[in-house]
C-alpha atoms as a PDB file:
ATOM      1  CA  MET A   1       0.065  -0.195  -0.057  1.00  0.00           C
ATOM      2  CA  GLY A   2       0.991   3.573  -0.773  1.00  0.00           C
ATOM      3  CA  ALA A   3       0.143   7.087  -1.424  1.00  0.00           C
ATOM      4  CA  MET A   4       1.627   9.898  -2.194  1.00  0.00           C
ATOM      5  CA  THR A   5       2.835  12.725   0.238  1.00  0.00           C
ATOM      6  CA  VAL A   6       4.672  16.220   0.408  1.00  0.00           C
ATOM      7  CA  MET A   7       7.475  16.985   2.059  1.00  0.00           C
ATOM      8  CA  THR A   8       7.534  20.622   3.999  1.00  0.00           C
ATOM      9  CA  SER A   9      10.782  22.953   3.691  1.00  0.00           C
ATOM     10  CA  LYS A  10      11.441  21.618   7.328  1.00  0.00           C
ATOM     11  CA  GLY A  11      12.325  18.270   5.903  1.00  0.00           C
ATOM     12  CA  GLN A  12       8.534  16.794   7.528  1.00  0.00           C
ATOM     13  CA  ILE A  13       6.514  14.648   5.844  1.00  0.00           C
ATOM     14  CA  THR A  14       2.611  13.300   6.733  1.00  0.00           C
ATOM     15  CA  ILE A  15       1.834   9.641   6.487  1.00  0.00           C
ATOM     16  CA  PRO A  16      -1.091   9.305   4.555  1.00  0.00           C
ATOM     17  CA  SER A  17      -4.047   8.522   6.862  1.00  0.00           C
ATOM     18  CA  GLU A  18      -4.359   4.614   4.861  1.00  0.00           C
ATOM     19  CA  VAL A  19      -1.200   3.756   5.608  1.00  0.00           C
ATOM     20  CA  ARG A  20      -1.286   4.866   9.031  1.00  0.00           C
ATOM     21  CA  ASP A  21      -4.691   3.100  10.009  1.00  0.00           C
ATOM     22  CA  SER A  22      -3.075  -0.574   7.884  1.00  0.00           C
ATOM     23  CA  LEU A  23      -0.413  -0.500  10.343  1.00  0.00           C
ATOM     24  CA  ASN A  24      -2.023   1.042  13.169  1.00  0.00           C
ATOM     25  CA  LEU A  25       0.562   3.935  13.718  1.00  0.00           C
ATOM     26  CA  ALA A  26      -0.451   6.395  16.935  1.00  0.00           C
ATOM     27  CA  PRO A  27       0.849   9.905  17.505  1.00  0.00           C
ATOM     28  CA  GLY A  28       4.082   9.577  18.874  1.00  0.00           C
ATOM     29  CA  THR A  29       5.147   6.539  17.129  1.00  0.00           C
ATOM     30  CA  ARG A  30       8.963   6.679  17.266  1.00  0.00           C
ATOM     31  CA  PHE A  31      10.487   5.627  13.406  1.00  0.00           C
ATOM     32  CA  TYR A  32      13.784   4.258  12.150  1.00  0.00           C
ATOM     33  CA  VAL A  33      14.984   6.169   8.976  1.00  0.00           C
ATOM     34  CA  ALA A  34      17.642   5.154   6.220  1.00  0.00           C
ATOM     35  CA  ALA A  35      18.171   5.614   2.980  1.00  0.00           C
ATOM     36  CA  ARG A  36      18.582   2.573   0.761  1.00  0.00           C
ATOM     37  CA  ASN A  37      19.301   1.996  -2.464  1.00  0.00           C
ATOM     38  CA  GLY A  38      17.939   5.573  -3.478  1.00  0.00           C
ATOM     39  CA  HIS A  39      14.652   5.153  -1.510  1.00  0.00           C
ATOM     40  CA  VAL A  40      13.758   6.636   2.050  1.00  0.00           C
ATOM     41  CA  VAL A  41      12.803   4.048   4.500  1.00  0.00           C
ATOM     42  CA  ALA A  42      11.160   4.787   7.591  1.00  0.00           C
ATOM     43  CA  ILE A  43      10.246   1.542  10.172  1.00  0.00           C
ATOM     44  CA  PRO A  44       8.244   1.875  13.045  1.00  0.00           C
ATOM     45  CA  LYS A  45       9.149   1.043  16.316  1.00  0.00           C
ATOM     46  CA  ASN A  46       5.768   0.022  17.585  1.00  0.00           C
ATOM     47  CA  LYS A  47       6.837  -3.722  17.049  1.00  0.00           C
ATOM     48  CA  ASN A  48       6.783  -6.359  19.532  1.00  0.00           C
ATOM     49  CA  LEU A  49       9.435  -9.184  19.454  1.00  0.00           C
ATOM     50  CA  MET A  50       7.577 -11.662  18.098  1.00  0.00           C
ATOM     51  CA  ASP A  51       6.763  -9.628  15.382  1.00  0.00           C
ATOM     52  CA  LEU A  52      10.311  -9.558  14.544  1.00  0.00           C
ATOM     53  CA  ALA A  53      10.308 -13.567  14.468  1.00  0.00           C
ATOM     54  CA  GLY A  54      12.173 -15.103  11.449  1.00  0.00           C
ATOM     55  CA  MET A  55      14.038 -11.860  10.643  1.00  0.00           C
ATOM     56  CA  PHE A  56      17.370 -13.836  11.483  1.00  0.00           C
ATOM     57  CA  LYS A  57      16.813 -16.571   9.683  1.00  0.00           C
ATOM     58  CA  MET A  58      16.110 -18.726  13.102  1.00  0.00           C
ATOM     59  CA  PRO A  59      12.179 -20.320  13.876  1.00  0.00           C
ATOM     60  CA  PRO A  60      11.085 -18.922  17.428  1.00  0.00           C
ATOM     61  CA  GLY A  61      12.553 -21.314  20.518  1.00  0.00           C
ATOM     62  CA  THR A  62      16.065 -21.858  18.877  1.00  0.00           C
ATOM     63  CA  SER A  63      19.134 -20.494  21.003  1.00  0.00           C
ATOM     64  CA  LEU A  64      22.198 -19.300  20.273  1.00  0.00           C
ATOM     65  CA  SER A  65      25.255 -19.572  22.965  1.00  0.00           C
ATOM     66  CA  ILE A  66      26.810 -16.241  23.988  1.00  0.00           C
ATOM     67  CA  ASP A  67      29.940 -16.905  21.823  1.00  0.00           C
ATOM     68  CA  ASP A  68      27.411 -17.525  18.448  1.00  0.00           C
ATOM     69  CA  MET A  69      25.940 -14.342  19.430  1.00  0.00           C
ATOM     70  CA  GLU A  70      28.787 -12.571  19.345  1.00  0.00           C
ATOM     71  CA  THR A  71      30.121 -13.912  16.101  1.00  0.00           C
ATOM     72  CA  ALA A  72      27.159 -12.688  14.560  1.00  0.00           C
ATOM     73  CA  VAL A  73      27.288  -9.275  15.609  1.00  0.00           C
ATOM     74  CA  ALA A  74      30.512  -9.218  14.508  1.00  0.00           C
ATOM     75  CA  GLU A  75      29.985 -10.689  11.340  1.00  0.00           C
ATOM     76  CA  GLY A  76      27.241  -7.932  10.895  1.00  0.00           C
ATOM     77  CA  VAL A  77      29.652  -4.996  11.784  1.00  0.00           C
ATOM     78  CA  ALA A  78      32.256  -6.225   9.693  1.00  0.00           C
ATOM     79  CA  LYS A  79      29.844  -6.197   6.546  1.00  0.00           C
ATOM     80  CA  ASP A  80      28.080  -3.042   7.592  1.00  0.00           C
ATOM     81  CA  ASP A  81      31.710  -1.411   7.536  1.00  0.00           C
ATOM     82  CA  GLN A  82      32.699  -3.070   4.009  1.00  0.00           C
ATOM     83  CA  ARG A  83      29.533  -1.391   2.939  1.00  0.00           C
ATOM     84  CA  VAL A  84      30.235   1.939   4.411  1.00  0.00           C
ATOM     85  CA  ARG A  85      33.691   1.662   3.086  1.00  0.00           C
ATOM     86  CA  ARG A  86      32.485   1.019  -0.398  1.00  0.00           C
ATOM     87  CA  GLU A  87      29.863   3.420  -0.373  1.00  0.00           C
ATOM     88  CA  THR A  88      32.093   6.300   0.983  1.00  0.00           C
ATOM     89  CA  ALA A  89      34.710   5.235  -1.720  1.00  0.00           C
ATOM     90  CA  GLU A  90      32.182   5.479  -4.903  1.00  0.00           C
ATOM     91  CA  ARG A  91      30.593   8.873  -3.864  1.00  0.00           C
ATOM     92  CA  LEU A  92      34.790  10.233  -3.317  1.00  0.00           C
ATOM     93  CA  LYS A  93      35.277   8.905  -7.049  1.00  0.00           C
END
């Protein structure tokens, strides 16, 4: 679902009511906003933990050791660092 909106001179946009209603967004909802592949992505922080199940490719109820978690975090940080360095190098060309 999508709808057109306009950005103000202060960089603010209004989320159309159809979108707010479909996502159960309420006034005061906080968002994580990022640029991804030329798009603006806004992720509402109104999700509970079970809404995120499967996001990391592990079924609910599966557990990892602390070492496994630390390894996964380190790999994710390294991957993100490589992406940032690559994007920065491309911008500086």
